[in-house]
PDB file of N, CA and C in Angstrom:
ATOM      1  N   MET A   1     -50.247  18.928 -30.501  1.00  0.00           N
ATOM      2  CA  MET A   1     -48.780  18.130 -30.165  1.00  0.00           C
ATOM      3  C   MET A   1     -49.704  17.310 -28.857  1.00  0.00           C
ATOM      4  N   ASN A   2     -49.193  16.530 -27.982  1.00  0.00           N
ATOM      5  CA  ASN A   2     -49.724  15.225 -27.187  1.00  0.00           C
ATOM      6  C   ASN A   2     -49.244  16.207 -25.915  1.00  0.00           C
ATOM      7  N   ILE A   3     -50.049  15.634 -24.882  1.00  0.00           N
ATOM      8  CA  ILE A   3     -49.585  16.692 -23.664  1.00  0.00           C
ATOM      9  C   ILE A   3     -48.225  15.534 -23.158  1.00  0.00           C
ATOM     10  N   ALA A   4     -48.524  14.493 -23.013  1.00  0.00           N
ATOM     11  CA  ALA A   4     -47.851  14.288 -22.460  1.00  0.00           C
ATOM     12  C   ALA A   4     -45.846  14.085 -23.079  1.00  0.00           C
ATOM     13  N   PHE A   5     -46.088  14.289 -24.545  1.00  0.00           N
ATOM     14  CA  PHE A   5     -44.863  14.685 -25.689  1.00  0.00           C
ATOM     15  C   PHE A   5     -43.626  15.990 -25.626  1.00  0.00           C
ATOM     16  N   GLU A   6     -45.307  16.982 -24.859  1.00  0.00           N
ATOM     17  CA  GLU A   6     -44.254  18.236 -24.531  1.00  0.00           C
ATOM     18  C   GLU A   6     -44.275  18.008 -22.949  1.00  0.00           C
ATOM     19  N   TYR A   7     -45.396  17.749 -22.160  1.00  0.00           N
ATOM     20  CA  TYR A   7     -44.276  17.033 -20.861  1.00  0.00           C
ATOM     21  C   TYR A   7     -42.593  16.423 -20.698  1.00  0.00           C
ATOM     22  N   SER A   8     -43.103  14.933 -21.895  1.00  0.00           N
ATOM     23  CA  SER A   8     -41.752  14.591 -22.122  1.00  0.00           C
ATOM     24  C   SER A   8     -40.253  15.673 -22.189  1.00  0.00           C
ATOM     25  N   ILE A   9     -40.791  16.230 -23.129  1.00  0.00           N
ATOM     26  CA  ILE A   9     -39.465  17.542 -23.381  1.00  0.00           C
ATOM     27  C   ILE A   9     -39.261  18.266 -22.630  1.00  0.00           C
ATOM     28  N   GLY A  10     -40.678  19.447 -22.151  1.00  0.00           N
ATOM     29  CA  GLY A  10     -40.534  19.784 -20.311  1.00  0.00           C
ATOM     30  C   GLY A  10     -39.346  19.197 -19.637  1.00  0.00           C
ATOM     31  N   VAL A  11     -39.770  17.910 -19.461  1.00  0.00           N
ATOM     32  CA  VAL A  11     -38.801  16.964 -18.165  1.00  0.00           C
ATOM     33  C   VAL A  11     -37.197  17.043 -18.678  1.00  0.00           C
ATOM     34  N   VAL A  12     -36.842  16.667 -20.062  1.00  0.00           N
ATOM     35  CA  VAL A  12     -35.752  16.583 -20.088  1.00  0.00           C
ATOM     36  C   VAL A  12     -35.095  17.743 -20.445  1.00  0.00           C
ATOM     37  N   MET A  13     -35.574  18.899 -21.071  1.00  0.00           N
ATOM     38  CA  MET A  13     -35.132  20.905 -20.923  1.00  0.00           C
ATOM     39  C   MET A  13     -34.272  20.670 -19.398  1.00  0.00           C
ATOM     40  N   MET A  14     -35.376  20.462 -18.509  1.00  0.00           N
ATOM     41  CA  MET A  14     -34.841  20.934 -16.718  1.00  0.00           C
ATOM     42  C   MET A  14     -33.978  20.289 -16.470  1.00  0.00           C
ATOM     43  N   VAL A  15     -33.829  18.743 -17.069  1.00  0.00           N
ATOM     44  CA  VAL A  15     -32.568  17.892 -16.574  1.00  0.00           C
ATOM     45  C   VAL A  15     -31.334  18.587 -16.958  1.00  0.00           C
ATOM     46  N   ALA A  16     -31.692  18.597 -18.820  1.00  0.00           N
ATOM     47  CA  ALA A  16     -30.349  19.539 -19.029  1.00  0.00           C
ATOM     48  C   ALA A  16     -30.103  20.302 -18.495  1.00  0.00           C
ATOM     49  N   VAL A  17     -30.942  21.404 -18.131  1.00  0.00           N
ATOM     50  CA  VAL A  17     -30.443  22.594 -17.100  1.00  0.00           C
ATOM     51  C   VAL A  17     -30.254  22.261 -16.454  1.00  0.00           C
ATOM     52  N   VAL A  18     -30.564  21.896 -15.255  1.00  0.00           N
ATOM     53  CA  VAL A  18     -30.299  21.130 -13.518  1.00  0.00           C
ATOM     54  C   VAL A  18     -28.634  20.400 -13.995  1.00  0.00           C
ATOM     55  N   THR A  19     -28.535  19.849 -14.594  1.00  0.00           N
ATOM     56  CA  THR A  19     -27.158  19.327 -15.124  1.00  0.00           C
ATOM     57  C   THR A  19     -25.856  20.607 -15.770  1.00  0.00           C
ATOM     58  N   LEU A  20     -26.271  20.351 -16.435  1.00  0.00           N
ATOM     59  CA  LEU A  20     -25.718  22.060 -16.509  1.00  0.00           C
ATOM     60  C   LEU A  20     -25.320  23.014 -16.098  1.00  0.00           C
ATOM     61  N   PHE A  21     -26.384  23.125 -15.217  1.00  0.00           N
ATOM     62  CA  PHE A  21     -26.151  24.480 -13.509  1.00  0.00           C
ATOM     63  C   PHE A  21     -25.418  22.913 -12.731  1.00  0.00           C
ATOM     64  N   THR A  22     -25.277  21.802 -12.047  1.00  0.00           N
ATOM     65  CA  THR A  22     -24.237  21.210 -11.342  1.00  0.00           C
ATOM     66  C   THR A  22     -22.979  21.284 -12.051  1.00  0.00           C
ATOM     67  N   ARG A  23     -22.302  21.231 -13.347  1.00  0.00           N
ATOM     68  CA  ARG A  23     -21.493  21.156 -13.685  1.00  0.00           C
ATOM     69  C   ARG A  23     -20.978  21.928 -13.662  1.00  0.00           C
ATOM     70  N   ALA A  24     -21.808  22.768 -14.232  1.00  0.00           N
ATOM     71  CA  ALA A  24     -21.053  24.698 -14.773  1.00  0.00           C
ATOM     72  C   ALA A  24     -20.643  25.069 -12.516  1.00  0.00           C
ATOM     73  N   LEU A  25     -20.684  25.084 -11.790  1.00  0.00           N
ATOM     74  CA  LEU A  25     -20.914  25.696 -10.425  1.00  0.00           C
ATOM     75  C   LEU A  25     -19.897  25.485  -9.930  1.00  0.00           C
ATOM     76  N   PRO A  26     -18.870  24.187  -9.960  1.00  0.00           N
ATOM     77  CA  PRO A  26     -17.821  24.488  -9.188  1.00  0.00           C
ATOM     78  C   PRO A  26     -16.851  25.145  -9.983  1.00  0.00           C
ATOM     79  N   PHE A  27     -16.548  26.055 -11.582  1.00  0.00           N
ATOM     80  CA  PHE A  27     -16.354  26.302 -12.161  1.00  0.00           C
ATOM     81  C   PHE A  27     -16.348  28.167 -11.608  1.00  0.00           C
ATOM     82  N   LEU A  28     -17.902  28.302 -11.683  1.00  0.00           N
ATOM     83  CA  LEU A  28     -18.321  29.889 -11.487  1.00  0.00           C
ATOM     84  C   LEU A  28     -18.027  29.641  -9.773  1.00  0.00           C
ATOM     85  N   LEU A  29     -18.242  28.902  -9.212  1.00  0.00           N
ATOM     86  CA  LEU A  29     -17.969  29.171  -7.407  1.00  0.00           C
ATOM     87  C   LEU A  29     -16.114  29.414  -6.806  1.00  0.00           C
ATOM     88  N   PHE A  30     -15.114  28.512  -8.457  1.00  0.00           N
ATOM     89  CA  PHE A  30     -13.449  28.108  -7.638  1.00  0.00           C
ATOM     90  C   PHE A  30     -12.822  28.497  -8.752  1.00  0.00           C
ATOM     91  N   GLY A  31     -13.569  29.222 -10.203  1.00  0.00           N
ATOM     92  CA  GLY A  31     -12.912  29.213 -11.790  1.00  0.00           C
ATOM     93  C   GLY A  31     -11.769  30.060 -11.070  1.00  0.00           C
ATOM     94  N   GLY A  32     -11.511  31.077 -10.232  1.00  0.00           N
ATOM     95  CA  GLY A  32     -10.496  31.909 -10.804  1.00  0.00           C
ATOM     96  C   GLY A  32      -9.347  31.305  -9.733  1.00  0.00           C
ATOM     97  N   LYS A  33      -9.401  30.360  -8.827  1.00  0.00           N
ATOM     98  CA  LYS A  33      -8.879  30.652  -7.943  1.00  0.00           C
ATOM     99  C   LYS A  33      -7.917  29.364  -8.250  1.00  0.00           C
ATOM    100  N   LYS A  34      -6.759  29.126  -8.018  1.00  0.00           N
ATOM    101  CA  LYS A  34      -5.570  27.486  -8.518  1.00  0.00           C
ATOM    102  C   LYS A  34      -6.015  26.814  -7.554  1.00  0.00           C
ATOM    103  N   ASP A  35      -6.158  26.607  -5.752  1.00  0.00           N
ATOM    104  CA  ASP A  35      -6.570  25.357  -5.249  1.00  0.00           C
ATOM    105  C   ASP A  35      -8.801  25.911  -4.651  1.00  0.00           C
ATOM    106  N   ALA A  36      -8.992  24.361  -5.231  1.00  0.00           N
ATOM    107  CA  ALA A  36     -10.356  24.588  -4.040  1.00  0.00           C
ATOM    108  C   ALA A  36      -9.722  24.940  -2.811  1.00  0.00           C
ATOM    109  N   PRO A  37     -10.929  25.311  -2.080  1.00  0.00           N
ATOM    110  CA  PRO A  37     -10.248  24.956  -0.355  1.00  0.00           C
ATOM    111  C   PRO A  37     -10.967  24.053   0.463  1.00  0.00           C
ATOM    112  N   LYS A  38     -10.045  24.255   1.616  1.00  0.00           N
ATOM    113  CA  LYS A  38     -10.154  22.805   2.049  1.00  0.00           C
ATOM    114  C   LYS A  38     -10.527  22.527   2.708  1.00  0.00           C
ATOM    115  N   TRP A  39     -11.663  22.695   2.508  1.00  0.00           N
ATOM    116  CA  TRP A  39     -13.042  22.118   3.157  1.00  0.00           C
ATOM    117  C   TRP A  39     -13.877  21.220   1.372  1.00  0.00           C
ATOM    118  N   VAL A  40     -13.176  21.752   0.477  1.00  0.00           N
ATOM    119  CA  VAL A  40     -13.671  21.118  -1.122  1.00  0.00           C
ATOM    120  C   VAL A  40     -12.959  19.664  -0.779  1.00  0.00           C
ATOM    121  N   GLN A  41     -11.494  20.108  -1.044  1.00  0.00           N
ATOM    122  CA  GLN A  41     -10.779  19.131  -1.246  1.00  0.00           C
ATOM    123  C   GLN A  41     -11.011  18.057   0.119  1.00  0.00           C
ATOM    124  N   PHE A  42     -11.288  17.847   1.437  1.00  0.00           N
ATOM    125  CA  PHE A  42     -11.597  17.099   2.138  1.00  0.00           C
ATOM    126  C   PHE A  42     -12.859  16.608   1.332  1.00  0.00           C
ATOM    127  N   ILE A  43     -13.734  17.544   1.564  1.00  0.00           N
ATOM    128  CA  ILE A  43     -14.896  16.459   0.951  1.00  0.00           C
ATOM    129  C   ILE A  43     -15.014  15.542  -0.558  1.00  0.00           C
ATOM    130  N   GLY A  44     -13.664  16.336  -1.071  1.00  0.00           N
ATOM    131  CA  GLY A  44     -13.335  15.317  -2.403  1.00  0.00           C
ATOM    132  C   GLY A  44     -12.668  14.222  -1.938  1.00  0.00           C
ATOM    133  N   ARG A  45     -12.098  14.208  -0.961  1.00  0.00           N
ATOM    134  CA  ARG A  45     -11.150  12.939  -0.149  1.00  0.00           C
ATOM    135  C   ARG A  45     -12.106  12.437   0.556  1.00  0.00           C
ATOM    136  N   THR A  46     -13.022  12.263   1.033  1.00  0.00           N
ATOM    137  CA  THR A  46     -13.599  11.743   2.033  1.00  0.00           C
ATOM    138  C   THR A  46     -15.046  11.145   1.659  1.00  0.00           C
ATOM    139  N   LEU A  47     -15.637  11.603   0.645  1.00  0.00           N
ATOM    140  CA  LEU A  47     -16.669  11.522  -0.073  1.00  0.00           C
ATOM    141  C   LEU A  47     -17.149  10.099  -0.983  1.00  0.00           C
ATOM    142  N   PRO A  48     -16.274   9.973  -1.378  1.00  0.00           N
ATOM    143  CA  PRO A  48     -16.532   8.602  -2.094  1.00  0.00           C
ATOM    144  C   PRO A  48     -16.382   7.372  -1.692  1.00  0.00           C
ATOM    145  N   PRO A  49     -15.287   7.419  -0.739  1.00  0.00           N
ATOM    146  CA  PRO A  49     -15.080   6.064   0.151  1.00  0.00           C
ATOM    147  C   PRO A  49     -16.579   6.020   0.861  1.00  0.00           C
ATOM    148  N   ALA A  50     -16.737   6.795   1.239  1.00  0.00           N
ATOM    149  CA  ALA A  50     -18.062   6.782   2.437  1.00  0.00           C
ATOM    150  C   ALA A  50     -19.468   6.666   1.342  1.00  0.00           C
ATOM    151  N   ILE A  51     -19.174   6.882   0.679  1.00  0.00           N
ATOM    152  CA  ILE A  51     -20.879   6.354  -0.513  1.00  0.00           C
ATOM    153  C   ILE A  51     -20.303   4.996  -0.499  1.00  0.00           C
ATOM    154  N   ILE A  52     -18.962   5.014  -0.587  1.00  0.00           N
ATOM    155  CA  ILE A  52     -18.917   3.285  -1.341  1.00  0.00           C
ATOM    156  C   ILE A  52     -19.689   2.387  -0.294  1.00  0.00           C
ATOM    157  N   ALA A  53     -19.298   2.460   1.186  1.00  0.00           N
ATOM    158  CA  ALA A  53     -19.244   1.826   2.409  1.00  0.00           C
ATOM    159  C   ALA A  53     -21.054   1.604   2.375  1.00  0.00           C
ATOM    160  N   ILE A  54     -21.429   3.146   2.177  1.00  0.00           N
ATOM    161  CA  ILE A  54     -23.650   3.117   2.588  1.00  0.00           C
ATOM    162  C   ILE A  54     -23.506   2.461   1.382  1.00  0.00           C
ATOM    163  N   LEU A  55     -22.989   1.849   0.066  1.00  0.00           N
ATOM    164  CA  LEU A  55     -23.601   1.072  -0.722  1.00  0.00           C
ATOM    165  C   LEU A  55     -23.549  -0.227  -0.254  1.00  0.00           C
ATOM    166  N   VAL A  56     -21.919  -0.827   0.319  1.00  0.00           N
ATOM    167  CA  VAL A  56     -21.793  -1.832   0.516  1.00  0.00           C
ATOM    168  C   VAL A  56     -22.409  -2.731   1.959  1.00  0.00           C
ATOM    169  N   LEU A  57     -22.964  -1.473   2.594  1.00  0.00           N
ATOM    170  CA  LEU A  57     -23.723  -2.381   3.654  1.00  0.00           C
ATOM    171  C   LEU A  57     -25.161  -2.219   2.859  1.00  0.00           C
ATOM    172  N   TYR A  58     -25.952  -1.282   1.878  1.00  0.00           N
ATOM    173  CA  TYR A  58     -27.496  -1.588   1.418  1.00  0.00           C
ATOM    174  C   TYR A  58     -27.549  -3.363   1.037  1.00  0.00           C
ATOM    175  N   CYS A  59     -26.065  -3.099   0.012  1.00  0.00           N
ATOM    176  CA  CYS A  59     -25.962  -4.581  -0.345  1.00  0.00           C
ATOM    177  C   CYS A  59     -26.814  -5.977   0.039  1.00  0.00           C
ATOM    178  N   PHE A  60     -25.834  -5.746   1.517  1.00  0.00           N
ATOM    179  CA  PHE A  60     -26.010  -6.832   1.878  1.00  0.00           C
ATOM    180  C   PHE A  60     -27.265  -6.598   3.411  1.00  0.00           C
ATOM    181  N   LYS A  61     -27.792  -6.113   3.295  1.00  0.00           N
ATOM    182  CA  LYS A  61     -29.102  -5.541   4.456  1.00  0.00           C
ATOM    183  C   LYS A  61     -30.305  -6.344   4.494  1.00  0.00           C
ATOM    184  N   ASP A  62     -29.923  -6.906   3.494  1.00  0.00           N
ATOM    185  CA  ASP A  62     -31.591  -8.263   3.474  1.00  0.00           C
ATOM    186  C   ASP A  62     -31.088  -9.328   2.806  1.00  0.00           C
ATOM    187  N   MET A  63     -29.810  -9.755   2.856  1.00  0.00           N
ATOM    188  CA  MET A  63     -29.077 -10.785   2.772  1.00  0.00           C
ATOM    189  C   MET A  63     -29.898 -11.379   4.154  1.00  0.00           C
ATOM    190  N   SER A  64     -29.815 -13.084   3.825  1.00  0.00           N
ATOM    191  CA  SER A  64     -30.292 -14.177   4.807  1.00  0.00           C
ATOM    192  C   SER A  64     -29.397 -14.840   4.897  1.00  0.00           C
ATOM    193  N   ILE A  65     -29.245 -15.509   5.993  1.00  0.00           N
ATOM    194  CA  ILE A  65     -28.246 -16.714   6.145  1.00  0.00           C
ATOM    195  C   ILE A  65     -29.039 -18.032   6.172  1.00  0.00           C
ATOM    196  N   THR A  66     -30.183 -18.285   6.346  1.00  0.00           N
ATOM    197  CA  THR A  66     -30.800 -19.168   6.538  1.00  0.00           C
ATOM    198  C   THR A  66     -30.263 -19.956   5.682  1.00  0.00           C
ATOM    199  N   GLU A  67     -30.145 -20.161   4.327  1.00  0.00           N
ATOM    200  CA  GLU A  67     -30.122 -21.367   3.258  1.00  0.00           C
ATOM    201  C   GLU A  67     -28.594 -20.641   2.320  1.00  0.00           C
ATOM    202  N   VAL A  68     -27.661 -21.680   2.030  1.00  0.00           N
ATOM    203  CA  VAL A  68     -26.806 -20.709   1.534  1.00  0.00           C
ATOM    204  C   VAL A  68     -27.071 -20.724   0.118  1.00  0.00           C
ATOM    205  N   LYS A  69     -27.953 -21.019  -0.603  1.00  0.00           N
ATOM    206  CA  LYS A  69     -28.409 -19.727  -1.811  1.00  0.00           C
ATOM    207  C   LYS A  69     -28.601 -18.663  -1.596  1.00  0.00           C
ATOM    208  N   ASN A  70     -29.346 -18.377  -0.104  1.00  0.00           N
ATOM    209  CA  ASN A  70     -29.611 -16.801  -0.229  1.00  0.00           C
ATOM    210  C   ASN A  70     -28.333 -15.888   0.260  1.00  0.00           C
ATOM    211  N   TRP A  71     -26.595 -16.606   0.155  1.00  0.00           N
ATOM    212  CA  TRP A  71     -26.420 -15.508   0.660  1.00  0.00           C
ATOM    213  C   TRP A  71     -24.809 -16.114   0.344  1.00  0.00           C
ATOM    214  N   LEU A  72     -23.923 -16.847  -0.002  1.00  0.00           N
ATOM    215  CA  LEU A  72     -22.983 -17.574  -0.996  1.00  0.00           C
ATOM    216  C   LEU A  72     -23.306 -16.814  -2.460  1.00  0.00           C
ATOM    217  N   PRO A  73     -23.943 -16.399  -3.218  1.00  0.00           N
ATOM    218  CA  PRO A  73     -23.723 -15.565  -4.712  1.00  0.00           C
ATOM    219  C   PRO A  73     -23.075 -14.384  -4.274  1.00  0.00           C
ATOM    220  N   GLN A  74     -23.879 -13.799  -3.416  1.00  0.00           N
ATOM    221  CA  GLN A  74     -23.507 -11.928  -3.170  1.00  0.00           C
ATOM    222  C   GLN A  74     -22.175 -11.988  -2.389  1.00  0.00           C
ATOM    223  N   ILE A  75     -21.576 -13.202  -1.156  1.00  0.00           N
ATOM    224  CA  ILE A  75     -20.866 -13.392  -0.444  1.00  0.00           C
ATOM    225  C   ILE A  75     -19.409 -13.675  -1.897  1.00  0.00           C
ATOM    226  N   LEU A  76     -19.599 -14.285  -2.831  1.00  0.00           N
ATOM    227  CA  LEU A  76     -18.868 -14.568  -4.079  1.00  0.00           C
ATOM    228  C   LEU A  76     -18.291 -13.471  -4.690  1.00  0.00           C
ATOM    229  N   ALA A  77     -19.801 -13.250  -5.475  1.00  0.00           N
ATOM    230  CA  ALA A  77     -19.690 -12.049  -5.968  1.00  0.00           C
ATOM    231  C   ALA A  77     -19.267 -11.045  -5.891  1.00  0.00           C
ATOM    232  N   SER A  78     -18.887 -10.338  -4.283  1.00  0.00           N
ATOM    233  CA  SER A  78     -18.438  -9.434  -3.423  1.00  0.00           C
ATOM    234  C   SER A  78     -16.612  -9.563  -3.454  1.00  0.00           C
ATOM    235  N   ILE A  79     -16.588 -10.770  -3.651  1.00  0.00           N
ATOM    236  CA  ILE A  79     -14.697 -11.262  -3.516  1.00  0.00           C
ATOM    237  C   ILE A  79     -14.275 -11.465  -4.777  1.00  0.00           C
ATOM    238  N   ALA A  80     -15.038 -11.221  -5.638  1.00  0.00           N
ATOM    239  CA  ALA A  80     -14.778 -10.981  -7.345  1.00  0.00           C
ATOM    240  C   ALA A  80     -14.847  -9.940  -7.561  1.00  0.00           C
ATOM    241  N   VAL A  81     -15.235  -8.651  -7.246  1.00  0.00           N
ATOM    242  CA  VAL A  81     -15.409  -7.154  -7.317  1.00  0.00           C
ATOM    243  C   VAL A  81     -14.312  -7.516  -6.707  1.00  0.00           C
ATOM    244  N   VAL A  82     -13.878  -7.481  -5.319  1.00  0.00           N
ATOM    245  CA  VAL A  82     -12.662  -7.523  -4.782  1.00  0.00           C
ATOM    246  C   VAL A  82     -11.445  -7.381  -5.146  1.00  0.00           C
ATOM    247  N   LEU A  83     -11.469  -8.845  -5.499  1.00  0.00           N
ATOM    248  CA  LEU A  83      -9.574  -9.265  -6.244  1.00  0.00           C
ATOM    249  C   LEU A  83      -9.898  -8.672  -7.354  1.00  0.00           C
ATOM    250  N   LEU A  84     -10.993  -8.684  -8.470  1.00  0.00           N
ATOM    251  CA  LEU A  84     -10.773  -7.701 -10.019  1.00  0.00           C
ATOM    252  C   LEU A  84     -10.455  -5.942  -9.331  1.00  0.00           C
ATOM    253  N   HIS A  85     -10.671  -5.510  -8.367  1.00  0.00           N
ATOM    254  CA  HIS A  85     -10.314  -4.654  -8.524  1.00  0.00           C
ATOM    255  C   HIS A  85      -8.750  -4.013  -8.114  1.00  0.00           C
ATOM    256  N   LEU A  86      -8.345  -5.130  -7.351  1.00  0.00           N
ATOM    257  CA  LEU A  86      -7.021  -5.145  -6.341  1.00  0.00           C
ATOM    258  C   LEU A  86      -5.662  -5.530  -8.146  1.00  0.00           C
ATOM    259  N   TRP A  87      -6.892  -6.099  -8.960  1.00  0.00           N
ATOM    260  CA  TRP A  87      -5.532  -6.848  -9.921  1.00  0.00           C
ATOM    261  C   TRP A  87      -5.718  -6.128 -11.155  1.00  0.00           C
ATOM    262  N   LYS A  88      -6.759  -5.179 -11.248  1.00  0.00           N
ATOM    263  CA  LYS A  88      -6.764  -4.445 -12.729  1.00  0.00           C
ATOM    264  C   LYS A  88      -6.720  -2.723 -12.591  1.00  0.00           C
ATOM    265  N   LYS A  89      -7.554  -2.960 -11.105  1.00  0.00           N
ATOM    266  CA  LYS A  89      -7.507  -0.725 -10.629  1.00  0.00           C
ATOM    267  C   LYS A  89      -8.663  -0.371 -11.535  1.00  0.00           C
ATOM    268  N   ASN A  90      -9.507  -1.233 -12.036  1.00  0.00           N
ATOM    269  CA  ASN A  90     -10.246  -0.656 -13.153  1.00  0.00           C
ATOM    270  C   ASN A  90     -11.650  -0.415 -12.402  1.00  0.00           C
ATOM    271  N   THR A  91     -12.941   0.236 -11.718  1.00  0.00           N
ATOM    272  CA  THR A  91     -14.093   0.436 -11.838  1.00  0.00           C
ATOM    273  C   THR A  91     -14.878  -0.546 -12.460  1.00  0.00           C
ATOM    274  N   LEU A  92     -15.142   0.146 -13.578  1.00  0.00           N
ATOM    275  CA  LEU A  92     -15.790  -0.256 -14.529  1.00  0.00           C
ATOM    276  C   LEU A  92     -15.812  -2.230 -14.452  1.00  0.00           C
ATOM    277  N   LEU A  93     -14.730  -2.340 -14.968  1.00  0.00           N
ATOM    278  CA  LEU A  93     -14.642  -4.214 -14.905  1.00  0.00           C
ATOM    279  C   LEU A  93     -14.857  -4.939 -13.197  1.00  0.00           C
ATOM    280  N   SER A  94     -14.618  -4.440 -12.547  1.00  0.00           N
ATOM    281  CA  SER A  94     -14.948  -4.798 -11.480  1.00  0.00           C
ATOM    282  C   SER A  94     -15.625  -4.849 -10.931  1.00  0.00           C
ATOM    283  N   VAL A  95     -16.947  -3.972 -11.010  1.00  0.00           N
ATOM    284  CA  VAL A  95     -18.749  -3.626 -10.869  1.00  0.00           C
ATOM    285  C   VAL A  95     -19.041  -4.967 -12.339  1.00  0.00           C
ATOM    286  N   GLY A  96     -18.114  -4.325 -13.658  1.00  0.00           N
ATOM    287  CA  GLY A  96     -19.510  -5.341 -14.199  1.00  0.00           C
ATOM    288  C   GLY A  96     -19.156  -7.234 -14.184  1.00  0.00           C
ATOM    289  N   GLY A  97     -17.800  -7.124 -13.793  1.00  0.00           N
ATOM    290  CA  GLY A  97     -17.370  -8.456 -13.678  1.00  0.00           C
ATOM    291  C   GLY A  97     -18.274  -8.958 -12.245  1.00  0.00           C
ATOM    292  N   GLY A  98     -18.312  -8.732 -11.410  1.00  0.00           N
ATOM    293  CA  GLY A  98     -19.511  -8.865 -10.183  1.00  0.00           C
ATOM    294  C   GLY A  98     -20.518  -9.289 -10.888  1.00  0.00           C
ATOM    295  N   THR A  99     -21.216  -8.145 -10.954  1.00  0.00           N
ATOM    296  CA  THR A  99     -22.493  -8.258 -11.594  1.00  0.00           C
ATOM    297  C   THR A  99     -22.955  -9.556 -12.571  1.00  0.00           C
ATOM    298  N   PHE A 100     -21.705  -9.895 -13.287  1.00  0.00           N
ATOM    299  CA  PHE A 100     -21.628 -10.988 -14.357  1.00  0.00           C
ATOM    300  C   PHE A 100     -21.548 -12.202 -13.367  1.00  0.00           C
ATOM    301  N   ILE A 101     -20.536 -12.402 -12.679  1.00  0.00           N
ATOM    302  CA  ILE A 101     -20.739 -13.138 -11.437  1.00  0.00           C
ATOM    303  C   ILE A 101     -21.943 -13.932 -10.872  1.00  0.00           C
ATOM    304  N   TYR A 102     -22.314 -12.704 -10.126  1.00  0.00           N
ATOM    305  CA  TYR A 102     -23.769 -12.780  -9.462  1.00  0.00           C
ATOM    306  C   TYR A 102     -24.613 -13.455 -10.271  1.00  0.00           C
ATOM    307  N   MET A 103     -25.242 -12.511 -11.199  1.00  0.00           N
ATOM    308  CA  MET A 103     -26.221 -13.065 -12.484  1.00  0.00           C
ATOM    309  C   MET A 103     -25.988 -14.939 -12.431  1.00  0.00           C
ATOM    310  N   VAL A 104     -24.550 -14.656 -12.884  1.00  0.00           N
ATOM    311  CA  VAL A 104     -24.178 -16.363 -12.913  1.00  0.00           C
ATOM    312  C   VAL A 104     -25.063 -17.228 -11.998  1.00  0.00           C
ATOM    313  N   LEU A 105     -24.551 -16.852 -11.178  1.00  0.00           N
ATOM    314  CA  LEU A 105     -24.510 -17.742  -9.721  1.00  0.00           C
ATOM    315  C   LEU A 105     -25.273 -18.060  -8.981  1.00  0.00           C
ATOM    316  N   ILE A 106     -26.534 -17.313  -9.084  1.00  0.00           N
ATOM    317  CA  ILE A 106     -28.537 -17.179  -8.707  1.00  0.00           C
ATOM    318  C   ILE A 106     -28.969 -17.915 -10.138  1.00  0.00           C
ATOM    319  N   GLN A 107     -28.855 -17.579 -11.868  1.00  0.00           N
ATOM    320  CA  GLN A 107     -29.234 -17.856 -12.358  1.00  0.00           C
ATOM    321  C   GLN A 107     -28.735 -19.658 -13.053  1.00  0.00           C
ATOM    322  N   VAL A 108     -27.790 -20.276 -12.626  1.00  0.00           N
ATOM    323  CA  VAL A 108     -27.308 -20.874 -13.180  1.00  0.00           C
ATOM    324  C   VAL A 108     -26.892 -22.012 -12.127  1.00  0.00           C
ATOM    325  N   VAL A 109     -26.038 -21.754 -11.300  1.00  0.00           N
ATOM    326  CA  VAL A 109     -25.695 -22.411 -10.538  1.00  0.00           C
ATOM    327  C   VAL A 109     -25.961 -22.606  -9.257  1.00  0.00           C
ATOM    328  N   PHE A 110     -27.140 -21.878  -8.629  1.00  0.00           N
ATOM    329  CA  PHE A 110     -28.168 -21.780  -7.014  1.00  0.00           C
ATOM    330  C   PHE A 110     -28.989 -21.594  -7.578  1.00  0.00           C
ATOM    331  N   ILE A 111     -29.874 -22.452  -8.392  1.00  0.00           N
ATOM    332  CA  ILE A 111     -31.093 -21.784  -8.905  1.00  0.00           C
ATOM    333  C   ILE A 111     -32.159 -22.944  -7.450  1.00  0.00           C
TER     334      ILE A 111
END
């Protein structure tokens, strides 16, 4: 067999094992208990909004305000994401819709 193929199979198997382990770990640690520990519940409540805030900051970190075409598409797409999410409460729709709007703005409107 080709060494690249064997390497690829090994990588896929390792990823599968690690994924299975990370999915099973909470059940192995907290399986018999009714409620997870308070610190796990706290992390479960606070980590998702914190990650979203970091991603939003990361998206805007290199935004240039020298020309309108450099910042207006990002702002309009971000507003669209927020409005779509408030309207439908569907993350996939809001992120997909915002991405679509951003791509249309940068490739058609603000060329």
